[in-house]
C-alpha atoms as a PDB file:
ATOM      1  CA  MET A   1     -18.233 -38.186 -24.001  1.00  0.00           C
ATOM      2  CA  LYS A   2     -19.109 -39.916 -20.902  1.00  0.00           C
ATOM      3  CA  SER A   3     -15.375 -40.887 -19.487  1.00  0.00           C
ATOM      4  CA  ILE A   4     -14.766 -37.067 -20.362  1.00  0.00           C
ATOM      5  CA  LYS A   5     -17.392 -36.245 -17.872  1.00  0.00           C
ATOM      6  CA  SER A   6     -16.543 -38.496 -15.330  1.00  0.00           C
ATOM      7  CA  MET A   7     -13.012 -36.913 -15.670  1.00  0.00           C
ATOM      8  CA  LYS A   8     -14.383 -33.539 -15.270  1.00  0.00           C
ATOM      9  CA  ILE A   9     -15.954 -34.609 -12.210  1.00  0.00           C
ATOM     10  CA  ARG A  10     -13.219 -36.449 -10.818  1.00  0.00           C
ATOM     11  CA  LEU A  11     -11.062 -33.413 -11.321  1.00  0.00           C
ATOM     12  CA  VAL A  12     -13.100 -31.678  -9.446  1.00  0.00           C
ATOM     13  CA  PRO A  13     -12.455 -32.655  -5.701  1.00  0.00           C
ATOM     14  CA  ALA A  14      -8.664 -33.519  -6.934  1.00  0.00           C
ATOM     15  CA  LEU A  15      -8.452 -29.428  -7.315  1.00  0.00           C
ATOM     16  CA  LEU A  16     -10.437 -29.701  -4.062  1.00  0.00           C
ATOM     17  CA  ILE A  17      -7.742 -31.520  -1.920  1.00  0.00           C
ATOM     18  CA  ALA A  18      -4.553 -29.886  -3.369  1.00  0.00           C
ATOM     19  CA  LEU A  19      -5.598 -26.651  -2.379  1.00  0.00           C
ATOM     20  CA  VAL A  20      -6.938 -27.472   0.519  1.00  0.00           C
ATOM     21  CA  MET A  21      -2.731 -29.465   1.241  1.00  0.00           C
ATOM     22  CA  ALA A  22      -1.184 -26.128  -0.504  1.00  0.00           C
ATOM     23  CA  VAL A  23      -3.029 -23.717   2.569  1.00  0.00           C
ATOM     24  CA  THR A  24      -2.431 -26.139   5.756  1.00  0.00           C
ATOM     25  CA  ILE A  25       1.079 -27.013   4.368  1.00  0.00           C
ATOM     26  CA  ARG A  26       1.891 -22.970   4.075  1.00  0.00           C
ATOM     27  CA  LEU A  27      -0.182 -22.267   7.094  1.00  0.00           C
ATOM     28  CA  GLY A  28       2.577 -24.352   9.437  1.00  0.00           C
ATOM     29  CA  PHE A  29       5.071 -22.995   7.647  1.00  0.00           C
ATOM     30  CA  TRP A  30       4.096 -19.847   9.112  1.00  0.00           C
ATOM     31  CA  GLN A  31       3.664 -21.034  12.123  1.00  0.00           C
ATOM     32  CA  ARG A  32       7.363 -22.794  12.120  1.00  0.00           C
ATOM     33  CA  ASP A  33       8.443 -19.672  11.118  1.00  0.00           C
ATOM     34  CA  ARG A  34       6.473 -17.867  13.883  1.00  0.00           C
ATOM     35  CA  ALA A  35       8.378 -19.949  16.390  1.00  0.00           C
ATOM     36  CA  HIS A  36      11.728 -19.453  14.858  1.00  0.00           C
ATOM     37  CA  GLN A  37      11.111 -15.487  15.410  1.00  0.00           C
ATOM     38  CA  LYS A  38      10.261 -16.038  18.728  1.00  0.00           C
ATOM     39  CA  GLU A  39      13.170 -18.398  19.805  1.00  0.00           C
ATOM     40  CA  ALA A  40      15.640 -15.178  18.531  1.00  0.00           C
ATOM     41  CA  LEU A  41      13.814 -13.036  20.758  1.00  0.00           C
ATOM     42  CA  GLN A  42      13.966 -15.011  23.623  1.00  0.00           C
ATOM     43  CA  ALA A  43      17.563 -15.450  22.813  1.00  0.00           C
ATOM     44  CA  GLN A  44      17.869 -12.108  22.945  1.00  0.00           C
ATOM     45  CA  ILE A  45      16.404 -11.212  26.209  1.00  0.00           C
ATOM     46  CA  ASP A  46      18.585 -13.651  27.797  1.00  0.00           C
ATOM     47  CA  ARG A  47      21.862 -11.665  26.232  1.00  0.00           C
ATOM     48  CA  TYR A  48      20.232  -8.325  27.589  1.00  0.00           C
ATOM     49  CA  GLU A  49      19.524  -9.877  30.690  1.00  0.00           C
ATOM     50  CA  HIS A  50      22.980 -10.044  31.529  1.00  0.00           C
ATOM     51  CA  ALA A  51      24.057  -6.818  29.331  1.00  0.00           C
ATOM     52  CA  SER A  52      24.910  -3.197  31.399  1.00  0.00           C
ATOM     53  CA  ALA A  53      21.930  -0.907  32.543  1.00  0.00           C
ATOM     54  CA  GLN A  54      21.236   1.487  29.942  1.00  0.00           C
ATOM     55  CA  SER A  55      20.367   4.879  31.381  1.00  0.00           C
ATOM     56  CA  VAL A  56      17.593   6.536  31.401  1.00  0.00           C
ATOM     57  CA  GLY A  57      16.925  10.505  30.390  1.00  0.00           C
ATOM     58  CA  ALA A  58      15.397  13.149  29.220  1.00  0.00           C
ATOM     59  CA  GLN A  59      16.026  11.937  25.551  1.00  0.00           C
ATOM     60  CA  PRO A  60      12.706  10.064  24.414  1.00  0.00           C
ATOM     61  CA  VAL A  61      13.754   6.472  23.451  1.00  0.00           C
ATOM     62  CA  PRO A  62      11.999   4.335  20.784  1.00  0.00           C
ATOM     63  CA  LEU A  63       9.934   1.233  22.829  1.00  0.00           C
ATOM     64  CA  ALA A  64      11.573  -1.014  20.131  1.00  0.00           C
ATOM     65  CA  ALA A  65      15.022  -0.026  20.566  1.00  0.00           C
ATOM     66  CA  ILE A  66      15.243  -0.497  24.370  1.00  0.00           C
ATOM     67  CA  GLU A  67      11.955  -3.169  25.361  1.00  0.00           C
ATOM     68  CA  TYR A  68      13.319  -6.065  27.912  1.00  0.00           C
ATOM     69  CA  HIS A  69      16.427  -4.324  27.842  1.00  0.00           C
ATOM     70  CA  ARG A  70      18.078  -3.737  31.629  1.00  0.00           C
ATOM     71  CA  VAL A  71      17.698   0.127  32.455  1.00  0.00           C
ATOM     72  CA  ARG A  72      18.913   2.541  35.231  1.00  0.00           C
ATOM     73  CA  ALA A  73      16.387   5.583  35.969  1.00  0.00           C
ATOM     74  CA  VAL A  74      17.662   8.005  38.842  1.00  0.00           C
ATOM     75  CA  GLY A  75      14.584  10.800  39.971  1.00  0.00           C
ATOM     76  CA  ARG A  76      12.180  11.334  42.639  1.00  0.00           C
ATOM     77  CA  PHE A  77       8.515   9.336  42.423  1.00  0.00           C
ATOM     78  CA  MET A  78       5.416  11.190  42.060  1.00  0.00           C
ATOM     79  CA  PRO A  79       2.519   9.565  44.822  1.00  0.00           C
ATOM     80  CA  GLU A  80      -0.004  11.788  43.163  1.00  0.00           C
ATOM     81  CA  HIS A  81      -0.015  10.228  39.959  1.00  0.00           C
ATOM     82  CA  VAL A  82      -0.103   6.614  41.256  1.00  0.00           C
ATOM     83  CA  VAL A  83      -2.121   4.175  39.820  1.00  0.00           C
ATOM     84  CA  TYR A  84      -3.062   0.689  40.767  1.00  0.00           C
ATOM     85  CA  LEU A  85      -3.403  -1.924  38.674  1.00  0.00           C
ATOM     86  CA  ASP A  86      -6.230  -4.316  39.528  1.00  0.00           C
ATOM     87  CA  ASN A  87      -6.502  -8.185  39.115  1.00  0.00           C
ATOM     88  CA  ARG A  88      -2.884  -8.960  39.026  1.00  0.00           C
ATOM     89  CA  PRO A  89      -2.942 -12.060  40.861  1.00  0.00           C
ATOM     90  CA  TYR A  90       0.459 -13.359  43.127  1.00  0.00           C
ATOM     91  CA  GLN A  91       0.765 -16.814  44.566  1.00  0.00           C
ATOM     92  CA  ASP A  92      -3.046 -17.144  44.037  1.00  0.00           C
ATOM     93  CA  ARG A  93      -3.594 -14.557  45.834  1.00  0.00           C
ATOM     94  CA  PRO A  94      -5.530 -10.893  44.569  1.00  0.00           C
ATOM     95  CA  GLY A  95      -3.574  -7.754  44.464  1.00  0.00           C
ATOM     96  CA  PHE A  96      -2.153  -4.593  42.434  1.00  0.00           C
ATOM     97  CA  TYR A  97       0.459  -3.470  40.799  1.00  0.00           C
ATOM     98  CA  VAL A  98       1.744  -0.227  41.770  1.00  0.00           C
ATOM     99  CA  VAL A  99       2.180   1.919  39.332  1.00  0.00           C
ATOM    100  CA  MET A 100       3.872   5.337  39.848  1.00  0.00           C
ATOM    101  CA  PRO A 101       6.150   7.676  37.525  1.00  0.00           C
ATOM    102  CA  LEU A 102       9.457   8.933  37.992  1.00  0.00           C
ATOM    103  CA  GLN A 103      10.225  12.613  37.532  1.00  0.00           C
ATOM    104  CA  LEU A 104      13.625  12.173  36.320  1.00  0.00           C
ATOM    105  CA  THR A 105      16.803  14.122  37.325  1.00  0.00           C
ATOM    106  CA  GLY A 106      17.991  15.128  34.177  1.00  0.00           C
ATOM    107  CA  GLY A 107      14.259  16.035  32.605  1.00  0.00           C
ATOM    108  CA  GLY A 108      11.500  14.097  31.547  1.00  0.00           C
ATOM    109  CA  TYR A 109       9.641  11.461  32.992  1.00  0.00           C
ATOM    110  CA  VAL A 110       9.021   7.065  32.846  1.00  0.00           C
ATOM    111  CA  LEU A 111       6.623   5.255  34.298  1.00  0.00           C
ATOM    112  CA  VAL A 112       7.514   2.662  37.406  1.00  0.00           C
ATOM    113  CA  ASN A 113       6.035  -0.531  37.655  1.00  0.00           C
ATOM    114  CA  ARG A 114       7.300  -0.563  41.077  1.00  0.00           C
ATOM    115  CA  GLY A 115       5.868  -4.042  42.364  1.00  0.00           C
ATOM    116  CA  TRP A 116       2.993  -6.005  43.988  1.00  0.00           C
ATOM    117  CA  LEU A 117       0.511  -5.065  46.815  1.00  0.00           C
ATOM    118  CA  PRO A 118      -2.129  -7.748  48.134  1.00  0.00           C
ATOM    119  CA  ARG A 119      -5.789  -6.685  47.921  1.00  0.00           C
ATOM    120  CA  ASN A 120      -7.697  -6.365  51.206  1.00  0.00           C
ATOM    121  CA  ALA A 121     -10.389  -9.176  51.140  1.00  0.00           C
ATOM    122  CA  ASP A 122     -13.172  -7.314  52.951  1.00  0.00           C
ATOM    123  CA  VAL A 123     -12.952  -3.599  51.057  1.00  0.00           C
ATOM    124  CA  ARG A 124     -12.101  -4.273  47.643  1.00  0.00           C
ATOM    125  CA  THR A 125     -10.771  -0.730  47.204  1.00  0.00           C
ATOM    126  CA  ALA A 126      -8.647  -0.501  50.301  1.00  0.00           C
ATOM    127  CA  ILE A 127      -4.862   0.422  49.612  1.00  0.00           C
ATOM    128  CA  ALA A 128      -2.701  -1.926  51.893  1.00  0.00           C
ATOM    129  CA  PRO A 129       0.206  -0.009  53.146  1.00  0.00           C
ATOM    130  CA  TYR A 130       3.578   0.268  51.678  1.00  0.00           C
ATOM    131  CA  SER A 131       6.219   3.274  51.242  1.00  0.00           C
ATOM    132  CA  THR A 132       7.531   5.475  48.990  1.00  0.00           C
ATOM    133  CA  PRO A 133      10.793   7.724  49.283  1.00  0.00           C
ATOM    134  CA  SER A 134      10.684  11.441  48.962  1.00  0.00           C
ATOM    135  CA  GLY A 135      13.818  11.752  48.262  1.00  0.00           C
ATOM    136  CA  GLU A 136      16.215  11.092  44.710  1.00  0.00           C
ATOM    137  CA  VAL A 137      16.279   7.708  43.889  1.00  0.00           C
ATOM    138  CA  THR A 138      17.977   4.994  41.407  1.00  0.00           C
ATOM    139  CA  VAL A 139      15.754   2.758  40.040  1.00  0.00           C
ATOM    140  CA  GLU A 140      16.890  -0.553  38.216  1.00  0.00           C
ATOM    141  CA  GLY A 141      14.602  -2.709  35.923  1.00  0.00           C
ATOM    142  CA  ILE A 142      13.492  -3.981  32.727  1.00  0.00           C
ATOM    143  CA  ALA A 143      11.670  -2.104  29.996  1.00  0.00           C
ATOM    144  CA  ARG A 144       8.517  -3.064  28.829  1.00  0.00           C
ATOM    145  CA  ALA A 145       5.870  -2.096  26.934  1.00  0.00           C
ATOM    146  CA  ASP A 146       3.519  -1.832  29.625  1.00  0.00           C
ATOM    147  CA  ALA A 147       2.854  -2.834  33.145  1.00  0.00           C
ATOM    148  CA  SER A 148       1.363  -5.931  31.893  1.00  0.00           C
ATOM    149  CA  ARG A 149      -2.205  -6.307  30.260  1.00  0.00           C
ATOM    150  CA  ALA A 150      -5.435  -8.194  31.874  1.00  0.00           C
ATOM    151  CA  PHE A 151      -8.742  -8.905  30.576  1.00  0.00           C
ATOM    152  CA  GLU A 152     -10.865  -5.689  29.903  1.00  0.00           C
ATOM    153  CA  LEU A 153     -14.642  -5.399  29.734  1.00  0.00           C
ATOM    154  CA  GLY A 154     -15.005  -1.743  28.122  1.00  0.00           C
ATOM    155  CA  GLU A 155     -13.248   0.615  29.999  1.00  0.00           C
ATOM    156  CA  GLY A 156     -13.154  -1.684  32.787  1.00  0.00           C
ATOM    157  CA  GLY A 157     -12.303   0.914  35.621  1.00  0.00           C
ATOM    158  CA  SER A 158      -9.092   2.203  33.379  1.00  0.00           C
ATOM    159  CA  ALA A 159     -11.625   5.459  32.980  1.00  0.00           C
ATOM    160  CA  ALA A 160      -9.436   8.841  33.366  1.00  0.00           C
ATOM    161  CA  HIS A 161      -8.742  10.295  37.216  1.00  0.00           C
ATOM    162  CA  GLN A 162      -9.407   6.718  38.728  1.00  0.00           C
ATOM    163  CA  GLN A 163      -6.779   5.177  41.308  1.00  0.00           C
ATOM    164  CA  ILE A 164      -7.742   1.481  40.445  1.00  0.00           C
ATOM    165  CA  ARG A 165      -7.976   0.316  36.829  1.00  0.00           C
ATOM    166  CA  GLN A 166      -7.171  -2.591  34.954  1.00  0.00           C
ATOM    167  CA  ASN A 167      -4.942  -1.490  32.689  1.00  0.00           C
ATOM    168  CA  LEU A 168      -2.512   1.380  31.923  1.00  0.00           C
ATOM    169  CA  ASP A 169      -1.676   2.812  28.045  1.00  0.00           C
ATOM    170  CA  VAL A 170       1.436   4.781  28.246  1.00  0.00           C
ATOM    171  CA  ALA A 171       0.442   6.962  25.560  1.00  0.00           C
ATOM    172  CA  ALA A 172      -3.236   7.935  27.097  1.00  0.00           C
ATOM    173  CA  PHE A 173      -2.124   8.165  30.568  1.00  0.00           C
ATOM    174  CA  ALA A 174       0.954  11.295  29.728  1.00  0.00           C
ATOM    175  CA  SER A 175      -2.163  12.520  27.704  1.00  0.00           C
ATOM    176  CA  GLU A 176      -4.202  12.428  30.925  1.00  0.00           C
ATOM    177  CA  THR A 177      -1.358  13.977  33.416  1.00  0.00           C
ATOM    178  CA  GLY A 178       0.630  15.838  30.469  1.00  0.00           C
ATOM    179  CA  LEU A 179       3.660  14.098  31.483  1.00  0.00           C
ATOM    180  CA  ALA A 180       6.412  13.666  28.731  1.00  0.00           C
ATOM    181  CA  LEU A 181       6.766  10.323  29.548  1.00  0.00           C
ATOM    182  CA  GLN A 182       9.199   8.023  27.636  1.00  0.00           C
ATOM    183  CA  PRO A 183       7.244   5.093  25.484  1.00  0.00           C
ATOM    184  CA  PHE A 184       7.938   2.213  28.230  1.00  0.00           C
ATOM    185  CA  VAL A 185       7.202   1.075  31.837  1.00  0.00           C
ATOM    186  CA  ILE A 186      10.392   0.120  33.939  1.00  0.00           C
ATOM    187  CA  GLU A 187       9.748  -2.910  35.390  1.00  0.00           C
ATOM    188  CA  GLN A 188      11.298  -2.648  39.040  1.00  0.00           C
ATOM    189  CA  THR A 189      14.004  -5.083  40.008  1.00  0.00           C
ATOM    190  CA  SER A 190      16.291  -3.192  42.585  1.00  0.00           C
ATOM    191  CA  ASP A 191      15.360  -3.219  46.269  1.00  0.00           C
ATOM    192  CA  ALA A 192      14.123  -0.608  47.850  1.00  0.00           C
ATOM    193  CA  ARG A 193      12.271  -2.285  51.260  1.00  0.00           C
ATOM    194  CA  ASP A 194       8.612  -0.491  50.430  1.00  0.00           C
ATOM    195  CA  GLY A 195       6.460  -3.456  51.274  1.00  0.00           C
ATOM    196  CA  LEU A 196       6.207  -4.160  47.385  1.00  0.00           C
ATOM    197  CA  VAL A 197       6.795  -7.273  46.009  1.00  0.00           C
ATOM    198  CA  ARG A 198       8.888  -8.107  43.311  1.00  0.00           C
ATOM    199  CA  ASP A 199       8.993 -11.165  41.807  1.00  0.00           C
ATOM    200  CA  TRP A 200       8.308 -10.963  38.495  1.00  0.00           C
ATOM    201  CA  PRO A 201       7.022 -13.593  36.208  1.00  0.00           C
ATOM    202  CA  ALA A 202      10.114 -14.383  33.180  1.00  0.00           C
ATOM    203  CA  PRO A 203       8.113 -13.265  29.442  1.00  0.00           C
ATOM    204  CA  THR A 204       7.067 -16.220  27.966  1.00  0.00           C
ATOM    205  CA  MET A 205       6.787 -16.393  24.176  1.00  0.00           C
ATOM    206  CA  GLY A 206       4.565 -19.561  23.777  1.00  0.00           C
ATOM    207  CA  VAL A 207       6.676 -21.278  21.313  1.00  0.00           C
ATOM    208  CA  GLU A 208       5.606 -24.231  22.104  1.00  0.00           C
ATOM    209  CA  ARG A 209       1.816 -23.429  21.335  1.00  0.00           C
ATOM    210  CA  ASN A 210       3.433 -22.485  17.587  1.00  0.00           C
ATOM    211  CA  TYR A 211       5.183 -25.659  16.940  1.00  0.00           C
ATOM    212  CA  GLY A 212       1.795 -27.699  18.366  1.00  0.00           C
ATOM    213  CA  TYR A 213      -0.440 -25.136  15.501  1.00  0.00           C
ATOM    214  CA  MET A 214       2.317 -26.334  13.269  1.00  0.00           C
ATOM    215  CA  LEU A 215       1.842 -30.158  13.411  1.00  0.00           C
ATOM    216  CA  GLN A 216      -1.966 -30.278  13.563  1.00  0.00           C
ATOM    217  CA  TRP A 217      -1.866 -28.139  10.101  1.00  0.00           C
ATOM    218  CA  TRP A 218       0.614 -30.147   8.798  1.00  0.00           C
ATOM    219  CA  GLY A 219      -1.385 -33.068   9.862  1.00  0.00           C
ATOM    220  CA  MET A 220      -4.564 -31.784   8.129  1.00  0.00           C
ATOM    221  CA  ALA A 221      -2.230 -31.766   4.970  1.00  0.00           C
ATOM    222  CA  ALA A 222      -1.799 -35.274   5.417  1.00  0.00           C
ATOM    223  CA  ALA A 223      -4.759 -36.099   5.699  1.00  0.00           C
ATOM    224  CA  ALA A 224      -6.168 -34.387   2.840  1.00  0.00           C
ATOM    225  CA  LEU A 225      -3.478 -36.250   1.156  1.00  0.00           C
ATOM    226  CA  GLY A 226      -4.362 -39.256   2.797  1.00  0.00           C
ATOM    227  CA  PHE A 227      -7.953 -38.834   1.778  1.00  0.00           C
ATOM    228  CA  GLY A 228      -7.770 -37.933  -1.960  1.00  0.00           C
ATOM    229  CA  LEU A 229      -5.541 -41.468  -2.577  1.00  0.00           C
ATOM    230  CA  TYR A 230      -8.666 -43.757  -0.837  1.00  0.00           C
ATOM    231  CA  ALA A 231     -10.810 -41.824  -2.968  1.00  0.00           C
ATOM    232  CA  ALA A 232      -8.717 -42.565  -6.067  1.00  0.00           C
ATOM    233  CA  ARG A 233      -8.569 -46.009  -5.216  1.00  0.00           C
ATOM    234  CA  ARG A 234     -12.175 -46.573  -4.620  1.00  0.00           C
ATOM    235  CA  ALA A 235     -12.888 -44.400  -8.227  1.00  0.00           C
ATOM    236  CA  ALA A 236     -10.475 -46.651 -10.010  1.00  0.00           C
ATOM    237  CA  LYS A 237     -11.653 -49.932  -8.767  1.00  0.00           C
ATOM    238  CA  LYS A 238     -15.868 -48.904  -9.492  1.00  0.00           C
ATOM    239  CA  GLU A 239     -14.168 -48.402 -13.154  1.00  0.00           C
ATOM    240  CA  ILE A 240     -12.423 -52.051 -13.183  1.00  0.00           C
END
């Protein structure tokens, strides 16, 4: 009877160790799969970079079908709806991203992240001078889901009818302005000699982080196995 009870007692920690190993090994494979997905996406982005630019017109284009693609749009900027995204540093200097709707020549609208503008060190809300062409322009760039996102506490200055904001949601801005916006933002790369900086950071997938987590989870599985073998050996010595 005693040996049966001791066998049951040893079975419980063995099952717990097996459960820990199963979970951590599975999480390691999940992180590996996430890394592979990001690598595939990075390869797609690299291909898009060398592909021909797609024309943007009035017909809505799903974000999933155009994100990271090179695009070209022809239209007129609408400075009356400009938004300055705050807390966008460039080379350790504080500044704004200048985001402005473009009224497309063939109908429809699209938001354009025109570039970076330094912030006045003395007057936070003062906007440095830059130029906006009044006529028809051709804008080339990369289709992005948004004009970048910064940490935001509460509304963070992103309430409606404010020019200086922390973040800008495309759908919310379309509702606010009544403009039939495309569901993406063009990150402008074409030079316009307008006083704005367009030195965009390359999109990072964070693949190294996923591989790091993968090794951590598998390391935990190996540690659980080692602990189980050690505990089993000690228990066997006690019974001798």
